[in-house]
Amino acid sequence: MTGLQRAGTPGGGSRQGKKGDYGYEVGAGFEFYFQSFIFAPEFKISNGLGDVHVRDQNLRYSNNMGELKSRMIVFSIHLEG
């Protein structure tokens, strides 16, 4: 899992996360046409709608968080030749 470590693994043990998530993604991009290739930058924002936090009484900081949602900002460049 990215960002969250499973309990019992090295570097983990303070919180757990669910494997699956659902959400929405919004983005915008442009295409610039050059003589020999196409340059297309794109900007996207993703927000998770579900709570991915798994509460566990045995973990130290598990009960301190109310909820944990995934968020991501992506900037990508596409080149076509």
N, C-alpha and C. Protein backbone atom coordinates (compact mmCIF):
# COMPACT_ATOMS: atom_id res chain seq x y z
N MET A 1 0.84 -1.18 0.00
CA MET A 1 0.00 0.00 0.00
C MET A 1 0.88 1.23 0.00
N THR A 2 0.50 2.21 -0.72
CA THR A 2 1.26 3.46 -0.73
C THR A 2 0.75 4.35 0.37
N GLY A 3 1.66 4.92 1.13
CA GLY A 3 1.31 5.86 2.17
C GLY A 3 0.96 5.23 3.51
N LEU A 4 0.48 4.01 3.51
CA LEU A 4 0.11 3.36 4.75
C LEU A 4 0.85 2.03 4.86
N GLN A 5 1.36 1.73 6.01
CA GLN A 5 2.05 0.47 6.26
C GLN A 5 1.10 -0.46 7.00
N ARG A 6 1.18 -1.73 6.71
CA ARG A 6 0.40 -2.72 7.43
C ARG A 6 1.01 -2.95 8.81
N ALA A 7 0.18 -3.23 9.79
CA ALA A 7 0.68 -3.51 11.13
C ALA A 7 1.51 -4.78 11.10
N GLY A 8 2.60 -4.79 11.84
CA GLY A 8 3.46 -5.96 11.90
C GLY A 8 4.57 -5.93 10.86
N THR A 9 4.58 -4.96 9.96
CA THR A 9 5.65 -4.84 8.98
C THR A 9 6.66 -3.82 9.47
N PRO A 10 7.91 -3.91 9.03
CA PRO A 10 8.90 -2.92 9.46
C PRO A 10 8.49 -1.51 9.06
N GLY A 11 8.55 -0.59 9.99
CA GLY A 11 8.16 0.79 9.73
C GLY A 11 6.69 1.06 9.89
N GLY A 12 5.89 0.02 10.17
CA GLY A 12 4.45 0.19 10.30
C GLY A 12 4.03 0.02 11.74
N GLY A 13 2.77 -0.27 11.93
CA GLY A 13 2.27 -0.53 13.26
C GLY A 13 1.50 0.62 13.88
N SER A 14 1.43 1.79 13.26
CA SER A 14 0.70 2.89 13.87
C SER A 14 -0.69 3.07 13.28
N ARG A 15 -0.95 2.57 12.07
CA ARG A 15 -2.26 2.67 11.46
C ARG A 15 -2.37 1.68 10.30
N GLN A 16 -3.61 1.39 9.91
CA GLN A 16 -3.86 0.48 8.81
C GLN A 16 -4.80 1.15 7.82
N GLY A 17 -4.78 0.65 6.58
CA GLY A 17 -5.68 1.18 5.57
C GLY A 17 -6.33 0.07 4.78
N LYS A 18 -7.51 0.35 4.25
CA LYS A 18 -8.21 -0.62 3.40
C LYS A 18 -7.53 -0.68 2.05
N LYS A 19 -7.66 -1.82 1.39
CA LYS A 19 -7.01 -2.00 0.09
C LYS A 19 -7.74 -1.25 -1.03
N GLY A 20 -9.04 -1.21 -1.00
CA GLY A 20 -9.80 -0.59 -2.09
C GLY A 20 -10.35 0.77 -1.71
N ASP A 21 -10.59 1.58 -2.73
CA ASP A 21 -11.16 2.91 -2.51
C ASP A 21 -11.94 3.28 -3.76
N TYR A 22 -12.89 4.16 -3.63
CA TYR A 22 -13.65 4.68 -4.77
C TYR A 22 -13.70 6.20 -4.64
N GLY A 23 -13.84 6.85 -5.76
CA GLY A 23 -13.86 8.30 -5.73
C GLY A 23 -14.12 8.88 -7.11
N TYR A 24 -13.80 10.15 -7.26
CA TYR A 24 -13.99 10.81 -8.54
C TYR A 24 -12.70 11.51 -8.95
N GLU A 25 -12.62 11.79 -10.22
CA GLU A 25 -11.43 12.42 -10.79
C GLU A 25 -11.86 13.49 -11.77
N VAL A 26 -11.26 14.68 -11.66
CA VAL A 26 -11.55 15.80 -12.53
C VAL A 26 -10.23 16.29 -13.12
N GLY A 27 -10.23 16.57 -14.41
CA GLY A 27 -9.00 17.02 -15.02
C GLY A 27 -9.22 17.87 -16.25
N ALA A 28 -8.14 18.50 -16.67
CA ALA A 28 -8.16 19.31 -17.88
C ALA A 28 -6.79 19.23 -18.53
N GLY A 29 -6.78 19.35 -19.83
CA GLY A 29 -5.51 19.30 -20.55
C GLY A 29 -5.61 20.01 -21.89
N PHE A 30 -4.46 20.16 -22.51
CA PHE A 30 -4.37 20.82 -23.81
C PHE A 30 -3.51 19.98 -24.73
N GLU A 31 -3.67 20.18 -26.02
CA GLU A 31 -2.80 19.55 -27.01
C GLU A 31 -2.16 20.65 -27.85
N PHE A 32 -0.86 20.62 -27.91
CA PHE A 32 -0.10 21.57 -28.74
C PHE A 32 0.50 20.79 -29.90
N TYR A 33 0.15 21.17 -31.09
CA TYR A 33 0.61 20.48 -32.30
C TYR A 33 1.84 21.17 -32.85
N PHE A 34 2.96 20.44 -32.85
CA PHE A 34 4.19 20.92 -33.47
C PHE A 34 4.39 20.17 -34.77
N GLN A 35 5.39 20.55 -35.52
CA GLN A 35 5.61 19.95 -36.84
C GLN A 35 5.93 18.46 -36.75
N SER A 36 6.68 18.04 -35.74
CA SER A 36 7.10 16.64 -35.69
C SER A 36 6.49 15.84 -34.54
N PHE A 37 5.78 16.47 -33.59
CA PHE A 37 5.19 15.74 -32.47
C PHE A 37 4.04 16.54 -31.86
N ILE A 38 3.30 15.88 -30.98
CA ILE A 38 2.20 16.50 -30.24
C ILE A 38 2.58 16.52 -28.76
N PHE A 39 2.47 17.67 -28.14
CA PHE A 39 2.78 17.86 -26.72
C PHE A 39 1.46 18.10 -26.00
N ALA A 40 1.11 17.25 -25.02
CA ALA A 40 -0.19 17.35 -24.36
C ALA A 40 -0.02 17.30 -22.84
N PRO A 41 0.05 18.46 -22.17
CA PRO A 41 0.07 18.46 -20.70
C PRO A 41 -1.36 18.28 -20.14
N GLU A 42 -1.43 17.65 -18.97
CA GLU A 42 -2.73 17.37 -18.36
C GLU A 42 -2.61 17.53 -16.84
N PHE A 43 -3.64 18.06 -16.21
CA PHE A 43 -3.69 18.28 -14.77
C PHE A 43 -4.95 17.60 -14.25
N LYS A 44 -4.81 16.72 -13.23
CA LYS A 44 -5.95 15.99 -12.68
C LYS A 44 -5.96 16.07 -11.16
N ILE A 45 -7.16 16.08 -10.60
CA ILE A 45 -7.36 16.03 -9.15
C ILE A 45 -8.28 14.86 -8.85
N SER A 46 -7.86 13.99 -7.93
CA SER A 46 -8.65 12.83 -7.53
C SER A 46 -8.97 12.93 -6.05
N ASN A 47 -10.20 12.64 -5.70
CA ASN A 47 -10.63 12.62 -4.30
C ASN A 47 -11.35 11.32 -4.00
N GLY A 48 -10.95 10.66 -2.94
CA GLY A 48 -11.63 9.44 -2.51
C GLY A 48 -12.87 9.78 -1.72
N LEU A 49 -13.92 9.00 -1.91
CA LEU A 49 -15.18 9.25 -1.22
C LEU A 49 -15.35 8.39 0.02
N GLY A 50 -14.69 7.25 0.05
CA GLY A 50 -14.83 6.33 1.18
C GLY A 50 -13.74 6.53 2.23
N ASP A 51 -14.04 6.10 3.42
CA ASP A 51 -13.08 6.15 4.52
C ASP A 51 -12.19 4.91 4.42
N VAL A 52 -10.89 5.09 4.23
CA VAL A 52 -9.96 3.96 4.08
C VAL A 52 -9.28 3.59 5.40
N HIS A 53 -9.63 4.26 6.47
CA HIS A 53 -9.02 3.99 7.77
C HIS A 53 -9.63 2.75 8.42
N VAL A 54 -8.78 1.85 8.89
CA VAL A 54 -9.22 0.66 9.61
C VAL A 54 -8.88 0.87 11.09
N ARG A 55 -9.89 0.95 11.92
CA ARG A 55 -9.66 1.17 13.35
C ARG A 55 -9.27 -0.14 14.03
N ASP A 56 -8.23 -0.07 14.84
CA ASP A 56 -7.74 -1.24 15.56
C ASP A 56 -7.35 -0.81 16.97
N GLN A 57 -7.95 -1.40 17.99
CA GLN A 57 -7.69 -1.04 19.37
C GLN A 57 -6.25 -1.31 19.79
N ASN A 58 -5.57 -2.24 19.11
CA ASN A 58 -4.21 -2.61 19.48
C ASN A 58 -3.15 -1.67 18.91
N LEU A 59 -3.51 -0.81 17.98
CA LEU A 59 -2.55 0.11 17.39
C LEU A 59 -2.58 1.45 18.12
N ARG A 60 -1.42 2.04 18.31
CA ARG A 60 -1.26 3.21 19.18
C ARG A 60 -2.06 4.43 18.71
N TYR A 61 -1.94 4.81 17.42
CA TYR A 61 -2.57 6.04 16.93
C TYR A 61 -3.82 5.78 16.09
N SER A 62 -4.33 4.58 16.12
CA SER A 62 -5.46 4.24 15.26
C SER A 62 -6.73 4.98 15.63
N ASN A 63 -6.98 5.18 16.90
CA ASN A 63 -8.24 5.81 17.33
C ASN A 63 -8.17 7.32 17.38
N ASN A 64 -7.02 7.92 17.13
CA ASN A 64 -6.89 9.38 17.16
C ASN A 64 -7.43 10.05 15.90
N MET A 65 -7.52 9.30 14.81
CA MET A 65 -8.01 9.87 13.54
C MET A 65 -9.49 9.58 13.38
N GLY A 66 -10.22 10.58 12.92
CA GLY A 66 -11.64 10.38 12.67
C GLY A 66 -11.88 9.61 11.39
N GLU A 67 -11.24 10.05 10.31
CA GLU A 67 -11.35 9.37 9.02
C GLU A 67 -10.11 9.65 8.20
N LEU A 68 -9.90 8.81 7.20
CA LEU A 68 -8.73 8.95 6.33
C LEU A 68 -9.21 8.76 4.89
N LYS A 69 -9.07 9.81 4.09
CA LYS A 69 -9.51 9.76 2.69
C LYS A 69 -8.31 10.00 1.78
N SER A 70 -8.37 9.40 0.62
CA SER A 70 -7.27 9.55 -0.33
C SER A 70 -7.50 10.78 -1.21
N ARG A 71 -6.41 11.50 -1.47
CA ARG A 71 -6.43 12.66 -2.36
C ARG A 71 -5.16 12.63 -3.19
N MET A 72 -5.29 13.07 -4.44
CA MET A 72 -4.13 13.03 -5.32
C MET A 72 -4.22 14.17 -6.33
N ILE A 73 -3.09 14.81 -6.57
CA ILE A 73 -2.96 15.83 -7.61
C ILE A 73 -1.91 15.31 -8.59
N VAL A 74 -2.28 15.24 -9.87
CA VAL A 74 -1.40 14.65 -10.88
C VAL A 74 -1.19 15.64 -12.01
N PHE A 75 0.06 15.84 -12.38
CA PHE A 75 0.39 16.59 -13.58
C PHE A 75 1.13 15.63 -14.51
N SER A 76 0.61 15.42 -15.69
CA SER A 76 1.25 14.48 -16.62
C SER A 76 1.48 15.16 -17.97
N ILE A 77 2.49 14.67 -18.65
CA ILE A 77 2.85 15.16 -19.98
C ILE A 77 2.83 13.98 -20.95
N HIS A 78 2.06 14.12 -22.00
CA HIS A 78 1.96 13.08 -23.03
C HIS A 78 2.66 13.59 -24.28
N LEU A 79 3.52 12.75 -24.83
CA LEU A 79 4.20 13.07 -26.09
C LEU A 79 3.82 12.03 -27.13
N GLU A 80 3.40 12.50 -28.29
CA GLU A 80 3.07 11.62 -29.40
C GLU A 80 3.93 12.02 -30.59
N GLY A 81 4.51 11.03 -31.22
CA GLY A 81 5.41 11.34 -32.32
C GLY A 81 4.96 10.87 -33.65
